[in-house]
Every structure is written in structure tokens, then in C-alpha cells.
Amino acid sequence: MLIDTHCHLDFPDFAEELDQVVARAHAAGVKQMVTISTRVRKLPQLLAICDRFPSIFCSVGTHPNNADEELDVTADELVLLSENPKVVAIGEAGLDYFYDTQKPADQKAGLLVHIEAARRTGLPLVIHSRSADEDMAAILTEETGKGAFPFILHCFSAGAELARVGVELGGYVSFSGILTFPKSEDIRAIAATVPMDRLLVETDAPYLAPKKWRGKRNEPSYVVNTAEFLAEAKGVSYEEMAAASTENAYRIFSKLPRI
């Protein structure tokens, strides 16, 4: 069994065949999925999907590339919305300096709001960090000093130092199809250093299909391929990796019902 801890099933890419996508995931052994929020104001669409499929859960939050759209979102609002039984995480929020579409100050302000909500609820903060290693490490270190909160460095493609800091602060590191790319030797090397009890797997579907399906739309069933590569990087069997990553997912996503 696997859990796809990060996908975007509300995106138009899946609109025409969501039933088939979910069925393929189940057939591949992916028994649960967490579809991740990119805008708080679109939470109703996520909840509609979650209510339709018992195996699908969601988060609530604002993606850093949408930060300026939801500067009015407060920690109180996130806490209130997270009371829904289908909401199992906060985010995704974070810093993205790769795309020059949002002011860093707006992204940081949003991130701090999400951190407060994660701290208050005990739900994991799903962190998006791209080309912002130094600032992200500094914020996580400073904010953890004010009070610990659970977090996940999702779709990890950053440097070894951010992974080290994240794990040291109690965070989890999630790997996507990027891990399988031929030029991702550095990411596989970092994955090898992350403790087994801090590893997660995800697709970030519809993006970043693993090497086996490169160039195609990604979907939750493909997380199996990422788990295979992660097992190889760690020098363990696929069965060991599946069991460990699933147990880790249940530990960090404390609201996710075990099956």
C-alpha cells in the first residue's frame, strides 16, 4: 500500500476522467490520496472531490505563486476551515523565487500565517520551496524556536542543507517523480541521507510524471515508480519502502484514517 501525499485532483487535467484516475490508483496499491489546496477560496471544489471519494482527503491553504490573491486569509480562518474532517493538512504555502510573479514579502507573510495555523491545529504544513533554500531554512529555524509545528518539505528538489535543517527541526521530506529523472543524481543522494522515518512519496500530479511516463500527465498511480526509486536510493526493498512511507504518512497526517 502507498499513499500519494500530494496531488492536485481539482485541476482541469483530471476533469474528464477522475473516476478512472482514482480507480487506477487503487488498482496500483495507492489506497489514499491527499489533494492539495492552492487557493483557500477554492476549498469547496476540493471538498466536493473528497466527499465523492472516501479515499481522498485535502489541505487548505494558498500556494506562494498565488500569495497576492489571498493576503486577507488569516490563521483564524485556516484553523476554522481545517475543522472539516476531510481537511488533513495546511498549505501548500512557502517561497518560490524561481518564478518572478509574487513579491517575496507577500509570500513570507502568507507562509507565517500558515505556520501559525499549523502550530495551532497540529496539522502538517505542506511547504513549497523553490530557489529559496536559505530564506526557507532561516524561517523554519526561527519559527520552530517560537513553538514547534509539523511540516513537510514537499516535492523536494532543493539542496542538502535544507533537507538537513528540515529533518533536524522535526520535518518530513517528500519526493516526487523528480527523483527518477536521469539528471537527479544529487536528489537521490540527498534522499539516501534522509532517515527512513521521515520519508514520504508523492506525485504532485498532474505535474512531474516519473521517468517511465516522462512527458505525459502525471497521476496518483505513478507514485509507485517514485517509491521504487526511493527504495533503491535507500538500499531497501520496495516492500520496506512502501510500509515505511505509509506509516510516516499516517504519523504526520494525524487526521488521516488508517485503512
C-alpha atoms as a PDB file:
ATOM      1  CA  MET A   1       0.000   0.000   0.000  1.00  0.00           C
ATOM      2  CA  LEU A   2       1.063   3.554  -0.766  1.00  0.00           C
ATOM      3  CA  ILE A   3      -0.356   6.998  -0.043  1.00  0.00           C
ATOM      4  CA  ASP A   4       0.051   9.788  -2.585  1.00  0.00           C
ATOM      5  CA  THR A   5       0.625  12.593  -0.109  1.00  0.00           C
ATOM      6  CA  HIS A   6       0.461  15.416  -2.653  1.00  0.00           C
ATOM      7  CA  CYS A   7      -1.571  15.719  -5.847  1.00  0.00           C
ATOM      8  CA  HIS A   8      -3.936  18.238  -7.414  1.00  0.00           C
ATOM      9  CA  LEU A   9      -7.055  16.340  -8.414  1.00  0.00           C
ATOM     10  CA  ASP A  10      -9.126  19.511  -8.754  1.00  0.00           C
ATOM     11  CA  PHE A  11      -7.041  20.692 -11.714  1.00  0.00           C
ATOM     12  CA  PRO A  12      -8.716  20.667 -15.152  1.00  0.00           C
ATOM     13  CA  ASP A  13      -6.328  17.928 -16.306  1.00  0.00           C
ATOM     14  CA  PHE A  14      -8.443  15.365 -14.438  1.00  0.00           C
ATOM     15  CA  ALA A  15     -11.922  16.760 -15.039  1.00  0.00           C
ATOM     16  CA  GLU A  16     -12.895  14.283 -17.755  1.00  0.00           C
ATOM     17  CA  GLU A  17     -11.761  11.042 -16.121  1.00  0.00           C
ATOM     18  CA  LEU A  18     -11.354  11.450 -12.386  1.00  0.00           C
ATOM     19  CA  ASP A  19     -13.208   8.205 -11.677  1.00  0.00           C
ATOM     20  CA  GLN A  20     -10.790   6.258 -13.869  1.00  0.00           C
ATOM     21  CA  VAL A  21      -7.749   8.026 -12.362  1.00  0.00           C
ATOM     22  CA  VAL A  22      -8.842   7.092  -8.841  1.00  0.00           C
ATOM     23  CA  ALA A  23      -9.617   3.518  -9.912  1.00  0.00           C
ATOM     24  CA  ARG A  24      -6.153   3.147 -11.445  1.00  0.00           C
ATOM     25  CA  ALA A  25      -4.588   4.446  -8.233  1.00  0.00           C
ATOM     26  CA  HIS A  26      -6.463   1.902  -6.144  1.00  0.00           C
ATOM     27  CA  ALA A  27      -5.525  -0.899  -8.536  1.00  0.00           C
ATOM     28  CA  ALA A  28      -1.845   0.087  -8.237  1.00  0.00           C
ATOM     29  CA  GLY A  29      -1.998  -0.118  -4.438  1.00  0.00           C
ATOM     30  CA  VAL A  30      -2.348   3.627  -3.848  1.00  0.00           C
ATOM     31  CA  LYS A  31      -5.173   3.430  -1.349  1.00  0.00           C
ATOM     32  CA  GLN A  32      -5.356   7.061  -0.216  1.00  0.00           C
ATOM     33  CA  MET A  33      -4.580  10.441  -1.752  1.00  0.00           C
ATOM     34  CA  VAL A  34      -4.233  13.966  -0.386  1.00  0.00           C
ATOM     35  CA  THR A  35      -5.269  16.583  -2.939  1.00  0.00           C
ATOM     36  CA  ILE A  36      -3.578  19.857  -2.089  1.00  0.00           C
ATOM     37  CA  SER A  37      -5.080  23.323  -1.924  1.00  0.00           C
ATOM     38  CA  THR A  38      -3.561  26.175  -3.919  1.00  0.00           C
ATOM     39  CA  ARG A  39      -6.218  28.759  -3.058  1.00  0.00           C
ATOM     40  CA  VAL A  40      -8.281  28.881   0.125  1.00  0.00           C
ATOM     41  CA  ARG A  41     -11.220  30.322  -1.814  1.00  0.00           C
ATOM     42  CA  LYS A  42     -11.377  27.156  -3.924  1.00  0.00           C
ATOM     43  CA  LEU A  43     -11.668  24.799  -0.957  1.00  0.00           C
ATOM     44  CA  PRO A  44     -15.305  23.956  -1.820  1.00  0.00           C
ATOM     45  CA  GLN A  45     -14.150  22.339  -5.085  1.00  0.00           C
ATOM     46  CA  LEU A  46     -11.636  20.231  -3.186  1.00  0.00           C
ATOM     47  CA  LEU A  47     -14.191  19.187  -0.608  1.00  0.00           C
ATOM     48  CA  ALA A  48     -16.607  18.175  -3.361  1.00  0.00           C
ATOM     49  CA  ILE A  49     -13.990  15.723  -4.648  1.00  0.00           C
ATOM     50  CA  CYS A  50     -13.223  14.477  -1.131  1.00  0.00           C
ATOM     51  CA  ASP A  51     -16.901  13.899  -0.422  1.00  0.00           C
ATOM     52  CA  ARG A  52     -17.219  11.951  -3.676  1.00  0.00           C
ATOM     53  CA  PHE A  53     -14.318   9.605  -2.948  1.00  0.00           C
ATOM     54  CA  PRO A  54     -13.804   8.109   0.541  1.00  0.00           C
ATOM     55  CA  SER A  55     -10.091   7.586  -0.193  1.00  0.00           C
ATOM     56  CA  ILE A  56      -9.367  11.247  -0.972  1.00  0.00           C
ATOM     57  CA  PHE A  57      -8.556  13.956   1.578  1.00  0.00           C
ATOM     58  CA  CYS A  58      -7.319  17.526   1.198  1.00  0.00           C
ATOM     59  CA  SER A  59      -5.480  20.501   2.655  1.00  0.00           C
ATOM     60  CA  VAL A  60      -6.401  24.161   2.924  1.00  0.00           C
ATOM     61  CA  GLY A  61      -4.019  26.954   2.007  1.00  0.00           C
ATOM     62  CA  THR A  62      -2.581  29.384  -0.518  1.00  0.00           C
ATOM     63  CA  HIS A  63       0.247  28.464  -2.888  1.00  0.00           C
ATOM     64  CA  PRO A  64       3.088  31.023  -2.815  1.00  0.00           C
ATOM     65  CA  ASN A  65       2.566  31.732  -6.523  1.00  0.00           C
ATOM     66  CA  ASN A  66      -0.951  32.883  -5.617  1.00  0.00           C
ATOM     67  CA  ALA A  67       0.084  34.778  -2.491  1.00  0.00           C
ATOM     68  CA  ASP A  68      -1.148  38.204  -3.561  1.00  0.00           C
ATOM     69  CA  GLU A  69      -4.648  36.852  -4.255  1.00  0.00           C
ATOM     70  CA  GLU A  70      -5.274  35.854  -0.648  1.00  0.00           C
ATOM     71  CA  LEU A  71      -3.382  38.239   1.591  1.00  0.00           C
ATOM     72  CA  ASP A  72      -6.588  38.629   3.577  1.00  0.00           C
ATOM     73  CA  VAL A  73      -6.598  34.987   4.691  1.00  0.00           C
ATOM     74  CA  THR A  74      -5.951  34.734   8.423  1.00  0.00           C
ATOM     75  CA  ALA A  75      -4.742  31.951  10.668  1.00  0.00           C
ATOM     76  CA  ASP A  76      -8.137  32.014  12.369  1.00  0.00           C
ATOM     77  CA  GLU A  77      -9.824  31.286   9.037  1.00  0.00           C
ATOM     78  CA  LEU A  78      -7.442  28.444   8.244  1.00  0.00           C
ATOM     79  CA  VAL A  79      -7.986  26.941  11.696  1.00  0.00           C
ATOM     80  CA  LEU A  80     -11.756  27.127  11.281  1.00  0.00           C
ATOM     81  CA  LEU A  81     -11.731  25.585   7.796  1.00  0.00           C
ATOM     82  CA  SER A  82      -9.411  22.826   8.925  1.00  0.00           C
ATOM     83  CA  GLU A  83     -12.072  21.526  11.306  1.00  0.00           C
ATOM     84  CA  ASN A  84     -13.688  19.742   8.374  1.00  0.00           C
ATOM     85  CA  PRO A  85     -12.919  16.019   8.823  1.00  0.00           C
ATOM     86  CA  LYS A  86     -11.661  15.780   5.249  1.00  0.00           C
ATOM     87  CA  VAL A  87      -9.045  18.529   5.748  1.00  0.00           C
ATOM     88  CA  VAL A  88      -5.851  16.837   6.967  1.00  0.00           C
ATOM     89  CA  ALA A  89      -3.193  19.500   6.321  1.00  0.00           C
ATOM     90  CA  ILE A  90      -2.430  23.205   5.982  1.00  0.00           C
ATOM     91  CA  GLY A  91      -0.985  24.600   2.746  1.00  0.00           C
ATOM     92  CA  GLU A  92       0.611  24.406   0.409  1.00  0.00           C
ATOM     93  CA  ALA A  93       2.413  27.582   1.335  1.00  0.00           C
ATOM     94  CA  GLY A  94       6.009  28.664   1.090  1.00  0.00           C
ATOM     95  CA  LEU A  95       8.522  30.539  -1.019  1.00  0.00           C
ATOM     96  CA  ASP A  96       9.068  30.364  -4.774  1.00  0.00           C
ATOM     97  CA  TYR A  97      11.798  32.613  -6.099  1.00  0.00           C
ATOM     98  CA  PHE A  98      12.084  30.698  -9.375  1.00  0.00           C
ATOM     99  CA  TYR A  99       9.043  32.397 -10.878  1.00  0.00           C
ATOM    100  CA  ASP A 100       9.159  36.171 -10.535  1.00  0.00           C
ATOM    101  CA  THR A 101       5.390  36.532 -10.179  1.00  0.00           C
ATOM    102  CA  GLN A 102       4.966  37.315  -6.479  1.00  0.00           C
ATOM    103  CA  LYS A 103       6.670  39.667  -4.071  1.00  0.00           C
ATOM    104  CA  PRO A 104       8.873  37.776  -1.593  1.00  0.00           C
ATOM    105  CA  ALA A 105       7.323  39.858   1.200  1.00  0.00           C
ATOM    106  CA  ASP A 106       3.834  38.635   0.265  1.00  0.00           C
ATOM    107  CA  GLN A 107       4.999  35.026   0.118  1.00  0.00           C
ATOM    108  CA  LYS A 108       6.703  35.314   3.511  1.00  0.00           C
ATOM    109  CA  ALA A 109       3.637  36.934   5.067  1.00  0.00           C
ATOM    110  CA  GLY A 110       1.446  34.125   3.783  1.00  0.00           C
ATOM    111  CA  LEU A 111       3.889  31.484   4.967  1.00  0.00           C
ATOM    112  CA  LEU A 112       3.881  32.894   8.504  1.00  0.00           C
ATOM    113  CA  VAL A 113       0.073  32.811   8.613  1.00  0.00           C
ATOM    114  CA  HIS A 114       0.107  29.160   7.538  1.00  0.00           C
ATOM    115  CA  ILE A 115       2.794  28.311  10.096  1.00  0.00           C
ATOM    116  CA  GLU A 116       0.614  29.783  12.851  1.00  0.00           C
ATOM    117  CA  ALA A 117      -2.338  27.704  11.666  1.00  0.00           C
ATOM    118  CA  ALA A 118      -0.232  24.543  11.605  1.00  0.00           C
ATOM    119  CA  ARG A 119       1.087  25.271  15.074  1.00  0.00           C
ATOM    120  CA  ARG A 120      -2.421  25.839  16.440  1.00  0.00           C
ATOM    121  CA  THR A 121      -4.071  22.846  14.781  1.00  0.00           C
ATOM    122  CA  GLY A 122      -1.232  20.330  14.906  1.00  0.00           C
ATOM    123  CA  LEU A 123      -1.889  19.603  11.231  1.00  0.00           C
ATOM    124  CA  PRO A 124       1.158  19.370   8.965  1.00  0.00           C
ATOM    125  CA  LEU A 125       2.140  22.395   6.930  1.00  0.00           C
ATOM    126  CA  VAL A 126       2.809  21.398   3.327  1.00  0.00           C
ATOM    127  CA  ILE A 127       5.748  23.562   2.273  1.00  0.00           C
ATOM    128  CA  HIS A 128       6.579  24.613  -1.283  1.00  0.00           C
ATOM    129  CA  SER A 129      10.173  25.818  -1.503  1.00  0.00           C
ATOM    130  CA  ARG A 130      11.853  26.571  -4.813  1.00  0.00           C
ATOM    131  CA  SER A 131      15.076  28.519  -5.281  1.00  0.00           C
ATOM    132  CA  ALA A 132      14.669  29.824  -1.727  1.00  0.00           C
ATOM    133  CA  ASP A 133      16.732  27.429   0.396  1.00  0.00           C
ATOM    134  CA  GLU A 134      18.450  29.996   2.594  1.00  0.00           C
ATOM    135  CA  ASP A 135      15.335  32.015   3.413  1.00  0.00           C
ATOM    136  CA  MET A 136      13.250  28.892   3.990  1.00  0.00           C
ATOM    137  CA  ALA A 137      15.808  27.363   6.348  1.00  0.00           C
ATOM    138  CA  ALA A 138      16.010  30.622   8.284  1.00  0.00           C
ATOM    139  CA  ILE A 139      12.229  30.955   8.621  1.00  0.00           C
ATOM    140  CA  LEU A 140      11.749  27.345   9.677  1.00  0.00           C
ATOM    141  CA  THR A 141      14.510  27.646  12.260  1.00  0.00           C
ATOM    142  CA  GLU A 142      13.199  30.911  13.679  1.00  0.00           C
ATOM    143  CA  GLU A 143       9.553  29.825  13.743  1.00  0.00           C
ATOM    144  CA  THR A 144      10.296  26.437  15.282  1.00  0.00           C
ATOM    145  CA  GLY A 145      12.095  28.330  18.039  1.00  0.00           C
ATOM    146  CA  LYS A 146       8.802  30.060  18.827  1.00  0.00           C
ATOM    147  CA  GLY A 147       6.946  26.750  19.030  1.00  0.00           C
ATOM    148  CA  ALA A 148       7.213  23.527  17.090  1.00  0.00           C
ATOM    149  CA  PHE A 149       4.813  22.716  14.252  1.00  0.00           C
ATOM    150  CA  PRO A 150       4.633  19.692  11.931  1.00  0.00           C
ATOM    151  CA  PHE A 151       5.758  20.287   8.341  1.00  0.00           C
ATOM    152  CA  ILE A 152       6.606  18.576   5.077  1.00  0.00           C
ATOM    153  CA  LEU A 153       9.167  19.769   2.532  1.00  0.00           C
ATOM    154  CA  HIS A 154       7.117  18.676  -0.445  1.00  0.00           C
ATOM    155  CA  CYS A 155       8.392  17.702  -3.911  1.00  0.00           C
ATOM    156  CA  PHE A 156      11.937  18.025  -2.641  1.00  0.00           C
ATOM    157  CA  SER A 157      14.345  19.397  -5.245  1.00  0.00           C
ATOM    158  CA  ALA A 158      16.412  21.726  -3.069  1.00  0.00           C
ATOM    159  CA  GLY A 159      19.886  21.413  -1.593  1.00  0.00           C
ATOM    160  CA  ALA A 160      21.237  19.068   1.038  1.00  0.00           C
ATOM    161  CA  GLU A 161      21.392  21.791   3.680  1.00  0.00           C
ATOM    162  CA  LEU A 162      17.648  22.489   3.569  1.00  0.00           C
ATOM    163  CA  ALA A 163      16.940  18.769   3.877  1.00  0.00           C
ATOM    164  CA  ARG A 164      19.286  18.566   6.856  1.00  0.00           C
ATOM    165  CA  VAL A 165      17.698  21.570   8.578  1.00  0.00           C
ATOM    166  CA  GLY A 166      14.197  20.278   7.872  1.00  0.00           C
ATOM    167  CA  VAL A 167      14.885  16.876   9.395  1.00  0.00           C
ATOM    168  CA  GLU A 168      16.747  18.414  12.336  1.00  0.00           C
ATOM    169  CA  LEU A 169      13.693  20.559  13.102  1.00  0.00           C
ATOM    170  CA  GLY A 170      11.404  17.543  13.042  1.00  0.00           C
ATOM    171  CA  GLY A 171      10.103  17.861   9.481  1.00  0.00           C
ATOM    172  CA  TYR A 172       9.452  15.262   6.808  1.00  0.00           C
ATOM    173  CA  VAL A 173      10.845  15.220   3.261  1.00  0.00           C
ATOM    174  CA  SER A 174       8.635  14.162   0.351  1.00  0.00           C
ATOM    175  CA  PHE A 175       9.954  13.020  -3.014  1.00  0.00           C
ATOM    176  CA  SER A 176       8.180  13.191  -6.354  1.00  0.00           C
ATOM    177  CA  GLY A 177       8.870  11.956  -9.882  1.00  0.00           C
ATOM    178  CA  ILE A 178      11.857  14.326  -9.993  1.00  0.00           C
ATOM    179  CA  LEU A 179      13.696  11.616  -8.054  1.00  0.00           C
ATOM    180  CA  THR A 180      13.509   9.334 -11.108  1.00  0.00           C
ATOM    181  CA  PHE A 181      14.936  11.767 -13.663  1.00  0.00           C
ATOM    182  CA  PRO A 182      18.344  10.822 -15.135  1.00  0.00           C
ATOM    183  CA  LYS A 183      19.904  14.127 -14.059  1.00  0.00           C
ATOM    184  CA  SER A 184      18.637  13.893 -10.465  1.00  0.00           C
ATOM    185  CA  GLU A 185      21.661  12.120  -9.009  1.00  0.00           C
ATOM    186  CA  ASP A 186      22.001  14.871  -6.395  1.00  0.00           C
ATOM    187  CA  ILE A 187      18.368  14.454  -5.283  1.00  0.00           C
ATOM    188  CA  ARG A 188      18.810  10.686  -4.999  1.00  0.00           C
ATOM    189  CA  ALA A 189      21.961  11.275  -2.942  1.00  0.00           C
ATOM    190  CA  ILE A 190      20.035  13.576  -0.601  1.00  0.00           C
ATOM    191  CA  ALA A 191      17.211  11.035  -0.348  1.00  0.00           C
ATOM    192  CA  ALA A 192      19.740   8.445   0.791  1.00  0.00           C
ATOM    193  CA  THR A 193      20.607  10.639   3.789  1.00  0.00           C
ATOM    194  CA  VAL A 194      17.034  11.224   4.999  1.00  0.00           C
ATOM    195  CA  PRO A 195      16.066   8.849   7.835  1.00  0.00           C
ATOM    196  CA  MET A 196      13.566   6.161   6.890  1.00  0.00           C
ATOM    197  CA  ASP A 197      11.054   7.530   9.386  1.00  0.00           C
ATOM    198  CA  ARG A 198      10.968  10.949   7.671  1.00  0.00           C
ATOM    199  CA  LEU A 199      10.411   9.930   4.035  1.00  0.00           C
ATOM    200  CA  LEU A 200       7.219  10.448   2.049  1.00  0.00           C
ATOM    201  CA  VAL A 201       6.265   9.868  -1.583  1.00  0.00           C
ATOM    202  CA  GLU A 202       4.026  11.960  -3.796  1.00  0.00           C
ATOM    203  CA  THR A 203       3.208  12.699  -7.414  1.00  0.00           C
ATOM    204  CA  ASP A 204       2.422  16.435  -7.458  1.00  0.00           C
ATOM    205  CA  ALA A 205       0.105  15.297 -10.264  1.00  0.00           C
ATOM    206  CA  PRO A 206      -0.651  16.404 -12.899  1.00  0.00           C
ATOM    207  CA  TYR A 207       2.967  17.592 -12.980  1.00  0.00           C
ATOM    208  CA  LEU A 208       6.337  15.826 -12.906  1.00  0.00           C
ATOM    209  CA  ALA A 209       5.493  12.346 -14.169  1.00  0.00           C
ATOM    210  CA  PRO A 210       8.251   9.854 -13.293  1.00  0.00           C
ATOM    211  CA  LYS A 211      10.803   8.881 -15.932  1.00  0.00           C
ATOM    212  CA  LYS A 212       8.708   5.911 -17.081  1.00  0.00           C
ATOM    213  CA  TRP A 213       5.930   8.300 -18.173  1.00  0.00           C
ATOM    214  CA  ARG A 214       8.010  11.426 -18.826  1.00  0.00           C
ATOM    215  CA  GLY A 215       6.165  13.973 -20.922  1.00  0.00           C
ATOM    216  CA  LYS A 216       2.736  12.605 -20.014  1.00  0.00           C
ATOM    217  CA  ARG A 217       0.229  13.852 -17.486  1.00  0.00           C
ATOM    218  CA  ASN A 218       1.098  12.530 -14.052  1.00  0.00           C
ATOM    219  CA  GLU A 219      -1.459  10.730 -11.877  1.00  0.00           C
ATOM    220  CA  PRO A 220      -1.509   9.127  -8.405  1.00  0.00           C
ATOM    221  CA  SER A 221      -0.938   5.550  -9.620  1.00  0.00           C
ATOM    222  CA  TYR A 222       2.507   6.603 -10.859  1.00  0.00           C
ATOM    223  CA  VAL A 223       3.732   7.204  -7.302  1.00  0.00           C
ATOM    224  CA  VAL A 224       4.644   3.508  -7.291  1.00  0.00           C
ATOM    225  CA  ASN A 225       7.551   4.257  -9.639  1.00  0.00           C
ATOM    226  CA  THR A 226       8.836   7.018  -7.362  1.00  0.00           C
ATOM    227  CA  ALA A 227       8.671   4.676  -4.372  1.00  0.00           C
ATOM    228  CA  GLU A 228      10.699   2.113  -6.325  1.00  0.00           C
ATOM    229  CA  PHE A 229      13.445   4.660  -6.987  1.00  0.00           C
ATOM    230  CA  LEU A 230      13.363   5.844  -3.390  1.00  0.00           C
ATOM    231  CA  ALA A 231      13.761   2.259  -2.176  1.00  0.00           C
ATOM    232  CA  GLU A 232      16.779   1.851  -4.430  1.00  0.00           C
ATOM    233  CA  ALA A 233      18.305   5.104  -3.167  1.00  0.00           C
ATOM    234  CA  LYS A 234      17.896   3.915   0.419  1.00  0.00           C
ATOM    235  CA  GLY A 235      19.101   0.383  -0.308  1.00  0.00           C
ATOM    236  CA  VAL A 236      15.915  -1.292   0.903  1.00  0.00           C
ATOM    237  CA  SER A 237      13.215  -3.380  -0.747  1.00  0.00           C
ATOM    238  CA  TYR A 238      10.167  -1.812  -2.354  1.00  0.00           C
ATOM    239  CA  GLU A 239       8.003  -3.516   0.293  1.00  0.00           C
ATOM    240  CA  GLU A 240      10.037  -1.924   3.085  1.00  0.00           C
ATOM    241  CA  MET A 241       9.772   1.491   1.483  1.00  0.00           C
ATOM    242  CA  ALA A 242       6.030   1.161   0.911  1.00  0.00           C
ATOM    243  CA  ALA A 243       5.492   0.166   4.527  1.00  0.00           C
ATOM    244  CA  ALA A 244       7.739   2.924   5.893  1.00  0.00           C
ATOM    245  CA  SER A 245       6.361   5.740   3.752  1.00  0.00           C
ATOM    246  CA  THR A 246       2.782   4.725   4.550  1.00  0.00           C
ATOM    247  CA  GLU A 247       3.480   4.626   8.292  1.00  0.00           C
ATOM    248  CA  ASN A 248       5.218   8.007   8.015  1.00  0.00           C
ATOM    249  CA  ALA A 249       2.204   9.448   6.204  1.00  0.00           C
ATOM    250  CA  TYR A 250      -0.134   8.291   8.962  1.00  0.00           C
ATOM    251  CA  ARG A 251       2.176   9.770  11.584  1.00  0.00           C
ATOM    252  CA  ILE A 252       2.454  13.228  10.038  1.00  0.00           C
ATOM    253  CA  PHE A 253      -1.122  13.362   8.672  1.00  0.00           C
ATOM    254  CA  SER A 254      -2.588  12.594  12.082  1.00  0.00           C
ATOM    255  CA  LYS A 255      -6.202  13.079  10.884  1.00  0.00           C
ATOM    256  CA  LEU A 256      -5.850  10.628   8.027  1.00  0.00           C
ATOM    257  CA  PRO A 257      -7.840   7.485   8.917  1.00  0.00           C
ATOM    258  CA  ARG A 258      -5.838   4.275   8.816  1.00  0.00           C
ATOM    259  CA  ILE A 259      -7.027   1.523   6.498  1.00  0.00           C
END
